């Protein structure tokens, strides 16, 4: 979902998403 929004392939960080975060597009 994030990858589609931000325009690049976003990996799962450390095998787990945190309850908050930022990704630049």
PDBML (XML) file of the C-alpha atoms, coordinates in Angstrom:
<?xml version="1.0" encoding="UTF-8" ?>
<PDBx:datablock datablockName="MODEL"
   xmlns:PDBx="http://pdbml.pdb.org/schema/pdbx-v50.xsd"
   xmlns:xsi="http://www.w3.org/2001/XMLSchema-instance"
   xsi:schemaLocation="http://pdbml.pdb.org/schema/pdbx-v50.xsd pdbx-v50.xsd">
   <PDBx:atom_siteCategory>
      <PDBx:atom_site id="1">
         <PDBx:B_iso_or_equiv>0.00</PDBx:B_iso_or_equiv>
         <PDBx:Cartn_x>0.000</PDBx:Cartn_x>
         <PDBx:Cartn_y>0.000</PDBx:Cartn_y>
         <PDBx:Cartn_z>0.000</PDBx:Cartn_z>
         <PDBx:auth_asym_id>A</PDBx:auth_asym_id>
         <PDBx:auth_atom_id>CA</PDBx:auth_atom_id>
         <PDBx:auth_comp_id>UNK</PDBx:auth_comp_id>
         <PDBx:auth_seq_id>1</PDBx:auth_seq_id>
         <PDBx:group_PDB>ATOM</PDBx:group_PDB>
         <PDBx:label_alt_id xsi:nil="true" />
         <PDBx:label_asym_id>A</PDBx:label_asym_id>
         <PDBx:label_atom_id>CA</PDBx:label_atom_id>
         <PDBx:label_comp_id>UNK</PDBx:label_comp_id>
         <PDBx:label_entity_id>1</PDBx:label_entity_id>
         <PDBx:label_seq_id>1</PDBx:label_seq_id>
         <PDBx:occupancy>1.00</PDBx:occupancy>
         <PDBx:pdbx_PDB_model_num>1</PDBx:pdbx_PDB_model_num>
         <PDBx:type_symbol>C</PDBx:type_symbol>
      </PDBx:atom_site>
      <PDBx:atom_site id="2">
         <PDBx:B_iso_or_equiv>0.00</PDBx:B_iso_or_equiv>
         <PDBx:Cartn_x>2.754</PDBx:Cartn_x>
         <PDBx:Cartn_y>2.444</PDBx:Cartn_y>
         <PDBx:Cartn_z>0.948</PDBx:Cartn_z>
         <PDBx:auth_asym_id>A</PDBx:auth_asym_id>
         <PDBx:auth_atom_id>CA</PDBx:auth_atom_id>
         <PDBx:auth_comp_id>UNK</PDBx:auth_comp_id>
         <PDBx:auth_seq_id>2</PDBx:auth_seq_id>
         <PDBx:group_PDB>ATOM</PDBx:group_PDB>
         <PDBx:label_alt_id xsi:nil="true" />
         <PDBx:label_asym_id>A</PDBx:label_asym_id>
         <PDBx:label_atom_id>CA</PDBx:label_atom_id>
         <PDBx:label_comp_id>UNK</PDBx:label_comp_id>
         <PDBx:label_entity_id>1</PDBx:label_entity_id>
         <PDBx:label_seq_id>2</PDBx:label_seq_id>
         <PDBx:occupancy>1.00</PDBx:occupancy>
         <PDBx:pdbx_PDB_model_num>1</PDBx:pdbx_PDB_model_num>
         <PDBx:type_symbol>C</PDBx:type_symbol>
      </PDBx:atom_site>
      <PDBx:atom_site id="3">
         <PDBx:B_iso_or_equiv>0.00</PDBx:B_iso_or_equiv>
         <PDBx:Cartn_x>4.790</PDBx:Cartn_x>
         <PDBx:Cartn_y>1.602</PDBx:Cartn_y>
         <PDBx:Cartn_z>-2.148</PDBx:Cartn_z>
         <PDBx:auth_asym_id>A</PDBx:auth_asym_id>
         <PDBx:auth_atom_id>CA</PDBx:auth_atom_id>
         <PDBx:auth_comp_id>UNK</PDBx:auth_comp_id>
         <PDBx:auth_seq_id>3</PDBx:auth_seq_id>
         <PDBx:group_PDB>ATOM</PDBx:group_PDB>
         <PDBx:label_alt_id xsi:nil="true" />
         <PDBx:label_asym_id>A</PDBx:label_asym_id>
         <PDBx:label_atom_id>CA</PDBx:label_atom_id>
         <PDBx:label_comp_id>UNK</PDBx:label_comp_id>
         <PDBx:label_entity_id>1</PDBx:label_entity_id>
         <PDBx:label_seq_id>3</PDBx:label_seq_id>
         <PDBx:occupancy>1.00</PDBx:occupancy>
         <PDBx:pdbx_PDB_model_num>1</PDBx:pdbx_PDB_model_num>
         <PDBx:type_symbol>C</PDBx:type_symbol>
      </PDBx:atom_site>
      <PDBx:atom_site id="4">
         <PDBx:B_iso_or_equiv>0.00</PDBx:B_iso_or_equiv>
         <PDBx:Cartn_x>1.880</PDBx:Cartn_x>
         <PDBx:Cartn_y>2.493</PDBx:Cartn_y>
         <PDBx:Cartn_z>-4.416</PDBx:Cartn_z>
         <PDBx:auth_asym_id>A</PDBx:auth_asym_id>
         <PDBx:auth_atom_id>CA</PDBx:auth_atom_id>
         <PDBx:auth_comp_id>UNK</PDBx:auth_comp_id>
         <PDBx:auth_seq_id>4</PDBx:auth_seq_id>
         <PDBx:group_PDB>ATOM</PDBx:group_PDB>
         <PDBx:label_alt_id xsi:nil="true" />
         <PDBx:label_asym_id>A</PDBx:label_asym_id>
         <PDBx:label_atom_id>CA</PDBx:label_atom_id>
         <PDBx:label_comp_id>UNK</PDBx:label_comp_id>
         <PDBx:label_entity_id>1</PDBx:label_entity_id>
         <PDBx:label_seq_id>4</PDBx:label_seq_id>
         <PDBx:occupancy>1.00</PDBx:occupancy>
         <PDBx:pdbx_PDB_model_num>1</PDBx:pdbx_PDB_model_num>
         <PDBx:type_symbol>C</PDBx:type_symbol>
      </PDBx:atom_site>
      <PDBx:atom_site id="5">
         <PDBx:B_iso_or_equiv>0.00</PDBx:B_iso_or_equiv>
         <PDBx:Cartn_x>1.431</PDBx:Cartn_x>
         <PDBx:Cartn_y>5.847</PDBx:Cartn_y>
         <PDBx:Cartn_z>-2.664</PDBx:Cartn_z>
         <PDBx:auth_asym_id>A</PDBx:auth_asym_id>
         <PDBx:auth_atom_id>CA</PDBx:auth_atom_id>
         <PDBx:auth_comp_id>UNK</PDBx:auth_comp_id>
         <PDBx:auth_seq_id>5</PDBx:auth_seq_id>
         <PDBx:group_PDB>ATOM</PDBx:group_PDB>
         <PDBx:label_alt_id xsi:nil="true" />
         <PDBx:label_asym_id>A</PDBx:label_asym_id>
         <PDBx:label_atom_id>CA</PDBx:label_atom_id>
         <PDBx:label_comp_id>UNK</PDBx:label_comp_id>
         <PDBx:label_entity_id>1</PDBx:label_entity_id>
         <PDBx:label_seq_id>5</PDBx:label_seq_id>
         <PDBx:occupancy>1.00</PDBx:occupancy>
         <PDBx:pdbx_PDB_model_num>1</PDBx:pdbx_PDB_model_num>
         <PDBx:type_symbol>C</PDBx:type_symbol>
      </PDBx:atom_site>
      <PDBx:atom_site id="6">
         <PDBx:B_iso_or_equiv>0.00</PDBx:B_iso_or_equiv>
         <PDBx:Cartn_x>5.068</PDBx:Cartn_x>
         <PDBx:Cartn_y>6.926</PDBx:Cartn_y>
         <PDBx:Cartn_z>-2.429</PDBx:Cartn_z>
         <PDBx:auth_asym_id>A</PDBx:auth_asym_id>
         <PDBx:auth_atom_id>CA</PDBx:auth_atom_id>
         <PDBx:auth_comp_id>UNK</PDBx:auth_comp_id>
         <PDBx:auth_seq_id>6</PDBx:auth_seq_id>
         <PDBx:group_PDB>ATOM</PDBx:group_PDB>
         <PDBx:label_alt_id xsi:nil="true" />
         <PDBx:label_asym_id>A</PDBx:label_asym_id>
         <PDBx:label_atom_id>CA</PDBx:label_atom_id>
         <PDBx:label_comp_id>UNK</PDBx:label_comp_id>
         <PDBx:label_entity_id>1</PDBx:label_entity_id>
         <PDBx:label_seq_id>6</PDBx:label_seq_id>
         <PDBx:occupancy>1.00</PDBx:occupancy>
         <PDBx:pdbx_PDB_model_num>1</PDBx:pdbx_PDB_model_num>
         <PDBx:type_symbol>C</PDBx:type_symbol>
      </PDBx:atom_site>
      <PDBx:atom_site id="7">
         <PDBx:B_iso_or_equiv>0.00</PDBx:B_iso_or_equiv>
         <PDBx:Cartn_x>6.220</PDBx:Cartn_x>
         <PDBx:Cartn_y>5.678</PDBx:Cartn_y>
         <PDBx:Cartn_z>-5.836</PDBx:Cartn_z>
         <PDBx:auth_asym_id>A</PDBx:auth_asym_id>
         <PDBx:auth_atom_id>CA</PDBx:auth_atom_id>
         <PDBx:auth_comp_id>UNK</PDBx:auth_comp_id>
         <PDBx:auth_seq_id>7</PDBx:auth_seq_id>
         <PDBx:group_PDB>ATOM</PDBx:group_PDB>
         <PDBx:label_alt_id xsi:nil="true" />
         <PDBx:label_asym_id>A</PDBx:label_asym_id>
         <PDBx:label_atom_id>CA</PDBx:label_atom_id>
         <PDBx:label_comp_id>UNK</PDBx:label_comp_id>
         <PDBx:label_entity_id>1</PDBx:label_entity_id>
         <PDBx:label_seq_id>7</PDBx:label_seq_id>
         <PDBx:occupancy>1.00</PDBx:occupancy>
         <PDBx:pdbx_PDB_model_num>1</PDBx:pdbx_PDB_model_num>
         <PDBx:type_symbol>C</PDBx:type_symbol>
      </PDBx:atom_site>
      <PDBx:atom_site id="8">
         <PDBx:B_iso_or_equiv>0.00</PDBx:B_iso_or_equiv>
         <PDBx:Cartn_x>9.041</PDBx:Cartn_x>
         <PDBx:Cartn_y>3.384</PDBx:Cartn_y>
         <PDBx:Cartn_z>-4.766</PDBx:Cartn_z>
         <PDBx:auth_asym_id>A</PDBx:auth_asym_id>
         <PDBx:auth_atom_id>CA</PDBx:auth_atom_id>
         <PDBx:auth_comp_id>UNK</PDBx:auth_comp_id>
         <PDBx:auth_seq_id>8</PDBx:auth_seq_id>
         <PDBx:group_PDB>ATOM</PDBx:group_PDB>
         <PDBx:label_alt_id xsi:nil="true" />
         <PDBx:label_asym_id>A</PDBx:label_asym_id>
         <PDBx:label_atom_id>CA</PDBx:label_atom_id>
         <PDBx:label_comp_id>UNK</PDBx:label_comp_id>
         <PDBx:label_entity_id>1</PDBx:label_entity_id>
         <PDBx:label_seq_id>8</PDBx:label_seq_id>
         <PDBx:occupancy>1.00</PDBx:occupancy>
         <PDBx:pdbx_PDB_model_num>1</PDBx:pdbx_PDB_model_num>
         <PDBx:type_symbol>C</PDBx:type_symbol>
      </PDBx:atom_site>
      <PDBx:atom_site id="9">
         <PDBx:B_iso_or_equiv>0.00</PDBx:B_iso_or_equiv>
         <PDBx:Cartn_x>9.294</PDBx:Cartn_x>
         <PDBx:Cartn_y>-0.088</PDBx:Cartn_y>
         <PDBx:Cartn_z>-3.254</PDBx:Cartn_z>
         <PDBx:auth_asym_id>A</PDBx:auth_asym_id>
         <PDBx:auth_atom_id>CA</PDBx:auth_atom_id>
         <PDBx:auth_comp_id>UNK</PDBx:auth_comp_id>
         <PDBx:auth_seq_id>9</PDBx:auth_seq_id>
         <PDBx:group_PDB>ATOM</PDBx:group_PDB>
         <PDBx:label_alt_id xsi:nil="true" />
         <PDBx:label_asym_id>A</PDBx:label_asym_id>
         <PDBx:label_atom_id>CA</PDBx:label_atom_id>
         <PDBx:label_comp_id>UNK</PDBx:label_comp_id>
         <PDBx:label_entity_id>1</PDBx:label_entity_id>
         <PDBx:label_seq_id>9</PDBx:label_seq_id>
         <PDBx:occupancy>1.00</PDBx:occupancy>
         <PDBx:pdbx_PDB_model_num>1</PDBx:pdbx_PDB_model_num>
         <PDBx:type_symbol>C</PDBx:type_symbol>
      </PDBx:atom_site>
      <PDBx:atom_site id="10">
         <PDBx:B_iso_or_equiv>0.00</PDBx:B_iso_or_equiv>
         <PDBx:Cartn_x>9.091</PDBx:Cartn_x>
         <PDBx:Cartn_y>0.177</PDBx:Cartn_y>
         <PDBx:Cartn_z>0.514</PDBx:Cartn_z>
         <PDBx:auth_asym_id>A</PDBx:auth_asym_id>
         <PDBx:auth_atom_id>CA</PDBx:auth_atom_id>
         <PDBx:auth_comp_id>UNK</PDBx:auth_comp_id>
         <PDBx:auth_seq_id>10</PDBx:auth_seq_id>
         <PDBx:group_PDB>ATOM</PDBx:group_PDB>
         <PDBx:label_alt_id xsi:nil="true" />
         <PDBx:label_asym_id>A</PDBx:label_asym_id>
         <PDBx:label_atom_id>CA</PDBx:label_atom_id>
         <PDBx:label_comp_id>UNK</PDBx:label_comp_id>
         <PDBx:label_entity_id>1</PDBx:label_entity_id>
         <PDBx:label_seq_id>10</PDBx:label_seq_id>
         <PDBx:occupancy>1.00</PDBx:occupancy>
         <PDBx:pdbx_PDB_model_num>1</PDBx:pdbx_PDB_model_num>
         <PDBx:type_symbol>C</PDBx:type_symbol>
      </PDBx:atom_site>
      <PDBx:atom_site id="11">
         <PDBx:B_iso_or_equiv>0.00</PDBx:B_iso_or_equiv>
         <PDBx:Cartn_x>10.425</PDBx:Cartn_x>
         <PDBx:Cartn_y>-2.808</PDBx:Cartn_y>
         <PDBx:Cartn_z>2.496</PDBx:Cartn_z>
         <PDBx:auth_asym_id>A</PDBx:auth_asym_id>
         <PDBx:auth_atom_id>CA</PDBx:auth_atom_id>
         <PDBx:auth_comp_id>UNK</PDBx:auth_comp_id>
         <PDBx:auth_seq_id>11</PDBx:auth_seq_id>
         <PDBx:group_PDB>ATOM</PDBx:group_PDB>
         <PDBx:label_alt_id xsi:nil="true" />
         <PDBx:label_asym_id>A</PDBx:label_asym_id>
         <PDBx:label_atom_id>CA</PDBx:label_atom_id>
         <PDBx:label_comp_id>UNK</PDBx:label_comp_id>
         <PDBx:label_entity_id>1</PDBx:label_entity_id>
         <PDBx:label_seq_id>11</PDBx:label_seq_id>
         <PDBx:occupancy>1.00</PDBx:occupancy>
         <PDBx:pdbx_PDB_model_num>1</PDBx:pdbx_PDB_model_num>
         <PDBx:type_symbol>C</PDBx:type_symbol>
      </PDBx:atom_site>
      <PDBx:atom_site id="12">
         <PDBx:B_iso_or_equiv>0.00</PDBx:B_iso_or_equiv>
         <PDBx:Cartn_x>9.116</PDBx:Cartn_x>
         <PDBx:Cartn_y>-3.930</PDBx:Cartn_y>
         <PDBx:Cartn_z>5.876</PDBx:Cartn_z>
         <PDBx:auth_asym_id>A</PDBx:auth_asym_id>
         <PDBx:auth_atom_id>CA</PDBx:auth_atom_id>
         <PDBx:auth_comp_id>UNK</PDBx:auth_comp_id>
         <PDBx:auth_seq_id>12</PDBx:auth_seq_id>
         <PDBx:group_PDB>ATOM</PDBx:group_PDB>
         <PDBx:label_alt_id xsi:nil="true" />
         <PDBx:label_asym_id>A</PDBx:label_asym_id>
         <PDBx:label_atom_id>CA</PDBx:label_atom_id>
         <PDBx:label_comp_id>UNK</PDBx:label_comp_id>
         <PDBx:label_entity_id>1</PDBx:label_entity_id>
         <PDBx:label_seq_id>12</PDBx:label_seq_id>
         <PDBx:occupancy>1.00</PDBx:occupancy>
         <PDBx:pdbx_PDB_model_num>1</PDBx:pdbx_PDB_model_num>
         <PDBx:type_symbol>C</PDBx:type_symbol>
      </PDBx:atom_site>
      <PDBx:atom_site id="13">
         <PDBx:B_iso_or_equiv>0.00</PDBx:B_iso_or_equiv>
         <PDBx:Cartn_x>11.627</PDBx:Cartn_x>
         <PDBx:Cartn_y>-2.372</PDBx:Cartn_y>
         <PDBx:Cartn_z>8.318</PDBx:Cartn_z>
         <PDBx:auth_asym_id>A</PDBx:auth_asym_id>
         <PDBx:auth_atom_id>CA</PDBx:auth_atom_id>
         <PDBx:auth_comp_id>UNK</PDBx:auth_comp_id>
         <PDBx:auth_seq_id>13</PDBx:auth_seq_id>
         <PDBx:group_PDB>ATOM</PDBx:group_PDB>
         <PDBx:label_alt_id xsi:nil="true" />
         <PDBx:label_asym_id>A</PDBx:label_asym_id>
         <PDBx:label_atom_id>CA</PDBx:label_atom_id>
         <PDBx:label_comp_id>UNK</PDBx:label_comp_id>
         <PDBx:label_entity_id>1</PDBx:label_entity_id>
         <PDBx:label_seq_id>13</PDBx:label_seq_id>
         <PDBx:occupancy>1.00</PDBx:occupancy>
         <PDBx:pdbx_PDB_model_num>1</PDBx:pdbx_PDB_model_num>
         <PDBx:type_symbol>C</PDBx:type_symbol>
      </PDBx:atom_site>
      <PDBx:atom_site id="14">
         <PDBx:B_iso_or_equiv>0.00</PDBx:B_iso_or_equiv>
         <PDBx:Cartn_x>13.232</PDBx:Cartn_x>
         <PDBx:Cartn_y>-4.963</PDBx:Cartn_y>
         <PDBx:Cartn_z>10.545</PDBx:Cartn_z>
         <PDBx:auth_asym_id>A</PDBx:auth_asym_id>
         <PDBx:auth_atom_id>CA</PDBx:auth_atom_id>
         <PDBx:auth_comp_id>UNK</PDBx:auth_comp_id>
         <PDBx:auth_seq_id>14</PDBx:auth_seq_id>
         <PDBx:group_PDB>ATOM</PDBx:group_PDB>
         <PDBx:label_alt_id xsi:nil="true" />
         <PDBx:label_asym_id>A</PDBx:label_asym_id>
         <PDBx:label_atom_id>CA</PDBx:label_atom_id>
         <PDBx:label_comp_id>UNK</PDBx:label_comp_id>
         <PDBx:label_entity_id>1</PDBx:label_entity_id>
         <PDBx:label_seq_id>14</PDBx:label_seq_id>
         <PDBx:occupancy>1.00</PDBx:occupancy>
         <PDBx:pdbx_PDB_model_num>1</PDBx:pdbx_PDB_model_num>
         <PDBx:type_symbol>C</PDBx:type_symbol>
      </PDBx:atom_site>
      <PDBx:atom_site id="15">
         <PDBx:B_iso_or_equiv>0.00</PDBx:B_iso_or_equiv>
         <PDBx:Cartn_x>10.413</PDBx:Cartn_x>
         <PDBx:Cartn_y>-7.388</PDBx:Cartn_y>
         <PDBx:Cartn_z>9.849</PDBx:Cartn_z>
         <PDBx:auth_asym_id>A</PDBx:auth_asym_id>
         <PDBx:auth_atom_id>CA</PDBx:auth_atom_id>
         <PDBx:auth_comp_id>UNK</PDBx:auth_comp_id>
         <PDBx:auth_seq_id>15</PDBx:auth_seq_id>
         <PDBx:group_PDB>ATOM</PDBx:group_PDB>
         <PDBx:label_alt_id xsi:nil="true" />
         <PDBx:label_asym_id>A</PDBx:label_asym_id>
         <PDBx:label_atom_id>CA</PDBx:label_atom_id>
         <PDBx:label_comp_id>UNK</PDBx:label_comp_id>
         <PDBx:label_entity_id>1</PDBx:label_entity_id>
         <PDBx:label_seq_id>15</PDBx:label_seq_id>
         <PDBx:occupancy>1.00</PDBx:occupancy>
         <PDBx:pdbx_PDB_model_num>1</PDBx:pdbx_PDB_model_num>
         <PDBx:type_symbol>C</PDBx:type_symbol>
      </PDBx:atom_site>
      <PDBx:atom_site id="16">
         <PDBx:B_iso_or_equiv>0.00</PDBx:B_iso_or_equiv>
         <PDBx:Cartn_x>7.824</PDBx:Cartn_x>
         <PDBx:Cartn_y>-5.301</PDBx:Cartn_y>
         <PDBx:Cartn_z>11.677</PDBx:Cartn_z>
         <PDBx:auth_asym_id>A</PDBx:auth_asym_id>
         <PDBx:auth_atom_id>CA</PDBx:auth_atom_id>
         <PDBx:auth_comp_id>UNK</PDBx:auth_comp_id>
         <PDBx:auth_seq_id>16</PDBx:auth_seq_id>
         <PDBx:group_PDB>ATOM</PDBx:group_PDB>
         <PDBx:label_alt_id xsi:nil="true" />
         <PDBx:label_asym_id>A</PDBx:label_asym_id>
         <PDBx:label_atom_id>CA</PDBx:label_atom_id>
         <PDBx:label_comp_id>UNK</PDBx:label_comp_id>
         <PDBx:label_entity_id>1</PDBx:label_entity_id>
         <PDBx:label_seq_id>16</PDBx:label_seq_id>
         <PDBx:occupancy>1.00</PDBx:occupancy>
         <PDBx:pdbx_PDB_model_num>1</PDBx:pdbx_PDB_model_num>
         <PDBx:type_symbol>C</PDBx:type_symbol>
      </PDBx:atom_site>
      <PDBx:atom_site id="17">
         <PDBx:B_iso_or_equiv>0.00</PDBx:B_iso_or_equiv>
         <PDBx:Cartn_x>6.008</PDBx:Cartn_x>
         <PDBx:Cartn_y>-1.986</PDBx:Cartn_y>
         <PDBx:Cartn_z>11.258</PDBx:Cartn_z>
         <PDBx:auth_asym_id>A</PDBx:auth_asym_id>
         <PDBx:auth_atom_id>CA</PDBx:auth_atom_id>
         <PDBx:auth_comp_id>UNK</PDBx:auth_comp_id>
         <PDBx:auth_seq_id>17</PDBx:auth_seq_id>
         <PDBx:group_PDB>ATOM</PDBx:group_PDB>
         <PDBx:label_alt_id xsi:nil="true" />
         <PDBx:label_asym_id>A</PDBx:label_asym_id>
         <PDBx:label_atom_id>CA</PDBx:label_atom_id>
         <PDBx:label_comp_id>UNK</PDBx:label_comp_id>
         <PDBx:label_entity_id>1</PDBx:label_entity_id>
         <PDBx:label_seq_id>17</PDBx:label_seq_id>
         <PDBx:occupancy>1.00</PDBx:occupancy>
         <PDBx:pdbx_PDB_model_num>1</PDBx:pdbx_PDB_model_num>
         <PDBx:type_symbol>C</PDBx:type_symbol>
      </PDBx:atom_site>
      <PDBx:atom_site id="18">
         <PDBx:B_iso_or_equiv>0.00</PDBx:B_iso_or_equiv>
         <PDBx:Cartn_x>5.858</PDBx:Cartn_x>
         <PDBx:Cartn_y>0.424</PDBx:Cartn_y>
         <PDBx:Cartn_z>14.151</PDBx:Cartn_z>
         <PDBx:auth_asym_id>A</PDBx:auth_asym_id>
         <PDBx:auth_atom_id>CA</PDBx:auth_atom_id>
         <PDBx:auth_comp_id>UNK</PDBx:auth_comp_id>
         <PDBx:auth_seq_id>18</PDBx:auth_seq_id>
         <PDBx:group_PDB>ATOM</PDBx:group_PDB>
         <PDBx:label_alt_id xsi:nil="true" />
         <PDBx:label_asym_id>A</PDBx:label_asym_id>
         <PDBx:label_atom_id>CA</PDBx:label_atom_id>
         <PDBx:label_comp_id>UNK</PDBx:label_comp_id>
         <PDBx:label_entity_id>1</PDBx:label_entity_id>
         <PDBx:label_seq_id>18</PDBx:label_seq_id>
         <PDBx:occupancy>1.00</PDBx:occupancy>
         <PDBx:pdbx_PDB_model_num>1</PDBx:pdbx_PDB_model_num>
         <PDBx:type_symbol>C</PDBx:type_symbol>
      </PDBx:atom_site>
      <PDBx:atom_site id="19">
         <PDBx:B_iso_or_equiv>0.00</PDBx:B_iso_or_equiv>
         <PDBx:Cartn_x>2.662</PDBx:Cartn_x>
         <PDBx:Cartn_y>2.149</PDBx:Cartn_y>
         <PDBx:Cartn_z>15.300</PDBx:Cartn_z>
         <PDBx:auth_asym_id>A</PDBx:auth_asym_id>
         <PDBx:auth_atom_id>CA</PDBx:auth_atom_id>
         <PDBx:auth_comp_id>UNK</PDBx:auth_comp_id>
         <PDBx:auth_seq_id>19</PDBx:auth_seq_id>
         <PDBx:group_PDB>ATOM</PDBx:group_PDB>
         <PDBx:label_alt_id xsi:nil="true" />
         <PDBx:label_asym_id>A</PDBx:label_asym_id>
         <PDBx:label_atom_id>CA</PDBx:label_atom_id>
         <PDBx:label_comp_id>UNK</PDBx:label_comp_id>
         <PDBx:label_entity_id>1</PDBx:label_entity_id>
         <PDBx:label_seq_id>19</PDBx:label_seq_id>
         <PDBx:occupancy>1.00</PDBx:occupancy>
         <PDBx:pdbx_PDB_model_num>1</PDBx:pdbx_PDB_model_num>
         <PDBx:type_symbol>C</PDBx:type_symbol>
      </PDBx:atom_site>
      <PDBx:atom_site id="20">
         <PDBx:B_iso_or_equiv>0.00</PDBx:B_iso_or_equiv>
         <PDBx:Cartn_x>3.821</PDBx:Cartn_x>
         <PDBx:Cartn_y>5.379</PDBx:Cartn_y>
         <PDBx:Cartn_z>13.674</PDBx:Cartn_z>
         <PDBx:auth_asym_id>A</PDBx:auth_asym_id>
         <PDBx:auth_atom_id>CA</PDBx:auth_atom_id>
         <PDBx:auth_comp_id>UNK</PDBx:auth_comp_id>
         <PDBx:auth_seq_id>20</PDBx:auth_seq_id>
         <PDBx:group_PDB>ATOM</PDBx:group_PDB>
         <PDBx:label_alt_id xsi:nil="true" />
         <PDBx:label_asym_id>A</PDBx:label_asym_id>
         <PDBx:label_atom_id>CA</PDBx:label_atom_id>
         <PDBx:label_comp_id>UNK</PDBx:label_comp_id>
         <PDBx:label_entity_id>1</PDBx:label_entity_id>
         <PDBx:label_seq_id>20</PDBx:label_seq_id>
         <PDBx:occupancy>1.00</PDBx:occupancy>
         <PDBx:pdbx_PDB_model_num>1</PDBx:pdbx_PDB_model_num>
         <PDBx:type_symbol>C</PDBx:type_symbol>
      </PDBx:atom_site>
      <PDBx:atom_site id="21">
         <PDBx:B_iso_or_equiv>0.00</PDBx:B_iso_or_equiv>
         <PDBx:Cartn_x>6.152</PDBx:Cartn_x>
         <PDBx:Cartn_y>6.309</PDBx:Cartn_y>
         <PDBx:Cartn_z>10.861</PDBx:Cartn_z>
         <PDBx:auth_asym_id>A</PDBx:auth_asym_id>
         <PDBx:auth_atom_id>CA</PDBx:auth_atom_id>
         <PDBx:auth_comp_id>UNK</PDBx:auth_comp_id>
         <PDBx:auth_seq_id>21</PDBx:auth_seq_id>
         <PDBx:group_PDB>ATOM</PDBx:group_PDB>
         <PDBx:label_alt_id xsi:nil="true" />
         <PDBx:label_asym_id>A</PDBx:label_asym_id>
         <PDBx:label_atom_id>CA</PDBx:label_atom_id>
         <PDBx:label_comp_id>UNK</PDBx:label_comp_id>
         <PDBx:label_entity_id>1</PDBx:label_entity_id>
         <PDBx:label_seq_id>21</PDBx:label_seq_id>
         <PDBx:occupancy>1.00</PDBx:occupancy>
         <PDBx:pdbx_PDB_model_num>1</PDBx:pdbx_PDB_model_num>
         <PDBx:type_symbol>C</PDBx:type_symbol>
      </PDBx:atom_site>
      <PDBx:atom_site id="22">
         <PDBx:B_iso_or_equiv>0.00</PDBx:B_iso_or_equiv>
         <PDBx:Cartn_x>7.025</PDBx:Cartn_x>
         <PDBx:Cartn_y>8.498</PDBx:Cartn_y>
         <PDBx:Cartn_z>7.879</PDBx:Cartn_z>
         <PDBx:auth_asym_id>A</PDBx:auth_asym_id>
         <PDBx:auth_atom_id>CA</PDBx:auth_atom_id>
         <PDBx:auth_comp_id>UNK</PDBx:auth_comp_id>
         <PDBx:auth_seq_id>22</PDBx:auth_seq_id>
         <PDBx:group_PDB>ATOM</PDBx:group_PDB>
         <PDBx:label_alt_id xsi:nil="true" />
         <PDBx:label_asym_id>A</PDBx:label_asym_id>
         <PDBx:label_atom_id>CA</PDBx:label_atom_id>
         <PDBx:label_comp_id>UNK</PDBx:label_comp_id>
         <PDBx:label_entity_id>1</PDBx:label_entity_id>
         <PDBx:label_seq_id>22</PDBx:label_seq_id>
         <PDBx:occupancy>1.00</PDBx:occupancy>
         <PDBx:pdbx_PDB_model_num>1</PDBx:pdbx_PDB_model_num>
         <PDBx:type_symbol>C</PDBx:type_symbol>
      </PDBx:atom_site>
      <PDBx:atom_site id="23">
         <PDBx:B_iso_or_equiv>0.00</PDBx:B_iso_or_equiv>
         <PDBx:Cartn_x>7.966</PDBx:Cartn_x>
         <PDBx:Cartn_y>7.646</PDBx:Cartn_y>
         <PDBx:Cartn_z>4.300</PDBx:Cartn_z>
         <PDBx:auth_asym_id>A</PDBx:auth_asym_id>
         <PDBx:auth_atom_id>CA</PDBx:auth_atom_id>
         <PDBx:auth_comp_id>UNK</PDBx:auth_comp_id>
         <PDBx:auth_seq_id>23</PDBx:auth_seq_id>
         <PDBx:group_PDB>ATOM</PDBx:group_PDB>
         <PDBx:label_alt_id xsi:nil="true" />
         <PDBx:label_asym_id>A</PDBx:label_asym_id>
         <PDBx:label_atom_id>CA</PDBx:label_atom_id>
         <PDBx:label_comp_id>UNK</PDBx:label_comp_id>
         <PDBx:label_entity_id>1</PDBx:label_entity_id>
         <PDBx:label_seq_id>23</PDBx:label_seq_id>
         <PDBx:occupancy>1.00</PDBx:occupancy>
         <PDBx:pdbx_PDB_model_num>1</PDBx:pdbx_PDB_model_num>
         <PDBx:type_symbol>C</PDBx:type_symbol>
      </PDBx:atom_site>
      <PDBx:atom_site id="24">
         <PDBx:B_iso_or_equiv>0.00</PDBx:B_iso_or_equiv>
         <PDBx:Cartn_x>9.074</PDBx:Cartn_x>
         <PDBx:Cartn_y>10.303</PDBx:Cartn_y>
         <PDBx:Cartn_z>1.821</PDBx:Cartn_z>
         <PDBx:auth_asym_id>A</PDBx:auth_asym_id>
         <PDBx:auth_atom_id>CA</PDBx:auth_atom_id>
         <PDBx:auth_comp_id>UNK</PDBx:auth_comp_id>
         <PDBx:auth_seq_id>24</PDBx:auth_seq_id>
         <PDBx:group_PDB>ATOM</PDBx:group_PDB>
         <PDBx:label_alt_id xsi:nil="true" />
         <PDBx:label_asym_id>A</PDBx:label_asym_id>
         <PDBx:label_atom_id>CA</PDBx:label_atom_id>
         <PDBx:label_comp_id>UNK</PDBx:label_comp_id>
         <PDBx:label_entity_id>1</PDBx:label_entity_id>
         <PDBx:label_seq_id>24</PDBx:label_seq_id>
         <PDBx:occupancy>1.00</PDBx:occupancy>
         <PDBx:pdbx_PDB_model_num>1</PDBx:pdbx_PDB_model_num>
         <PDBx:type_symbol>C</PDBx:type_symbol>
      </PDBx:atom_site>
      <PDBx:atom_site id="25">
         <PDBx:B_iso_or_equiv>0.00</PDBx:B_iso_or_equiv>
         <PDBx:Cartn_x>7.590</PDBx:Cartn_x>
         <PDBx:Cartn_y>10.179</PDBx:Cartn_y>
         <PDBx:Cartn_z>-1.652</PDBx:Cartn_z>
         <PDBx:auth_asym_id>A</PDBx:auth_asym_id>
         <PDBx:auth_atom_id>CA</PDBx:auth_atom_id>
         <PDBx:auth_comp_id>UNK</PDBx:auth_comp_id>
         <PDBx:auth_seq_id>25</PDBx:auth_seq_id>
         <PDBx:group_PDB>ATOM</PDBx:group_PDB>
         <PDBx:label_alt_id xsi:nil="true" />
         <PDBx:label_asym_id>A</PDBx:label_asym_id>
         <PDBx:label_atom_id>CA</PDBx:label_atom_id>
         <PDBx:label_comp_id>UNK</PDBx:label_comp_id>
         <PDBx:label_entity_id>1</PDBx:label_entity_id>
         <PDBx:label_seq_id>25</PDBx:label_seq_id>
         <PDBx:occupancy>1.00</PDBx:occupancy>
         <PDBx:pdbx_PDB_model_num>1</PDBx:pdbx_PDB_model_num>
         <PDBx:type_symbol>C</PDBx:type_symbol>
      </PDBx:atom_site>
   </PDBx:atom_siteCategory>
</PDBx:datablock>
